Amino acid sequence: MARPIKETPVLRGKDAENFAKRMANPAPVSKAEKEAARKAYEAFKAISTFPM
């Protein structure tokens, strides 16, 4: 039987500040990465059997 998942710890102090800054300013994604993600999405969409 699976063990219960523990609660996620709350970020405080400098860790919280760094997290907020990184979430506000995400790293740019290249066109090649976007296209690879789009192709993967389309491949999984093509083989899915559940309604979307």
C-alpha atoms as a PDB file:
ATOM      1  CA  MET A   1       0.000   0.000   0.000  1.00  0.00           C
ATOM      2  CA  ALA A   2       1.258   3.489  -0.828  1.00  0.00           C
ATOM      3  CA  ARG A   3       2.387   5.811   1.924  1.00  0.00           C
ATOM      4  CA  PRO A   4       0.636   9.161   2.298  1.00  0.00           C
ATOM      5  CA  ILE A   5       2.254  12.170   0.670  1.00  0.00           C
ATOM      6  CA  LYS A   6       3.772  14.631   3.143  1.00  0.00           C
ATOM      7  CA  GLU A   7       2.798  18.284   3.084  1.00  0.00           C
ATOM      8  CA  THR A   8       4.962  20.576   1.005  1.00  0.00           C
ATOM      9  CA  PRO A   9       7.088  22.809   3.246  1.00  0.00           C
ATOM     10  CA  VAL A  10       6.414  26.553   3.172  1.00  0.00           C
ATOM     11  CA  LEU A  11       9.182  28.706   1.707  1.00  0.00           C
ATOM     12  CA  ARG A  12      10.408  31.508   3.933  1.00  0.00           C
ATOM     13  CA  GLY A  13      13.029  34.225   3.850  1.00  0.00           C
ATOM     14  CA  LYS A  14      15.547  34.321   1.024  1.00  0.00           C
ATOM     15  CA  ASP A  15      14.225  31.085  -0.506  1.00  0.00           C
ATOM     16  CA  ALA A  16      10.763  32.636  -0.836  1.00  0.00           C
ATOM     17  CA  GLU A  17      12.194  35.801  -2.396  1.00  0.00           C
ATOM     18  CA  ASN A  18      14.249  33.805  -4.920  1.00  0.00           C
ATOM     19  CA  PHE A  19      11.229  31.664  -5.813  1.00  0.00           C
ATOM     20  CA  ALA A  20       9.010  34.720  -6.345  1.00  0.00           C
ATOM     21  CA  LYS A  21      11.647  36.377  -8.568  1.00  0.00           C
ATOM     22  CA  ARG A  22      12.078  33.247 -10.688  1.00  0.00           C
ATOM     23  CA  MET A  23       8.313  32.836 -11.092  1.00  0.00           C
ATOM     24  CA  ALA A  24       7.909  36.501 -12.104  1.00  0.00           C
ATOM     25  CA  ASN A  25      10.742  36.299 -14.669  1.00  0.00           C
ATOM     26  CA  PRO A  26      10.776  32.853 -16.331  1.00  0.00           C
ATOM     27  CA  ALA A  27      13.637  31.932 -18.621  1.00  0.00           C
ATOM     28  CA  PRO A  28      12.880  32.410 -22.339  1.00  0.00           C
ATOM     29  CA  VAL A  29      12.100  29.287 -24.347  1.00  0.00           C
ATOM     30  CA  SER A  30      13.594  28.793 -27.798  1.00  0.00           C
ATOM     31  CA  LYS A  31      11.485  28.115 -30.881  1.00  0.00           C
ATOM     32  CA  ALA A  32      13.086  24.668 -31.161  1.00  0.00           C
ATOM     33  CA  GLU A  33      11.985  23.781 -27.619  1.00  0.00           C
ATOM     34  CA  LYS A  34       8.448  25.022 -28.317  1.00  0.00           C
ATOM     35  CA  GLU A  35       8.261  22.969 -31.500  1.00  0.00           C
ATOM     36  CA  ALA A  36       9.548  19.845 -29.723  1.00  0.00           C
ATOM     37  CA  ALA A  37       6.917  20.262 -27.014  1.00  0.00           C
ATOM     38  CA  ARG A  38       4.204  20.802 -29.627  1.00  0.00           C
ATOM     39  CA  LYS A  39       5.243  17.637 -31.512  1.00  0.00           C
ATOM     40  CA  ALA A  40       5.237  15.592 -28.291  1.00  0.00           C
ATOM     41  CA  TYR A  41       1.782  16.940 -27.421  1.00  0.00           C
ATOM     42  CA  GLU A  42       0.423  16.058 -30.844  1.00  0.00           C
ATOM     43  CA  ALA A  43       1.929  12.545 -30.651  1.00  0.00           C
ATOM     44  CA  PHE A  44       0.313  11.856 -27.274  1.00  0.00           C
ATOM     45  CA  LYS A  45      -2.946  13.413 -28.409  1.00  0.00           C
ATOM     46  CA  ALA A  46      -3.000  11.075 -31.414  1.00  0.00           C
ATOM     47  CA  ILE A  47      -2.651   7.940 -29.277  1.00  0.00           C
ATOM     48  CA  SER A  48      -4.971   8.970 -26.441  1.00  0.00           C
ATOM     49  CA  THR A  49      -8.213   7.089 -26.064  1.00  0.00           C
ATOM     50  CA  PHE A  50      -9.952   9.281 -23.489  1.00  0.00           C
ATOM     51  CA  PRO A  51     -12.131  12.252 -24.479  1.00  0.00           C
ATOM     52  CA  MET A  52     -10.348  15.588 -24.628  1.00  0.00           C
END
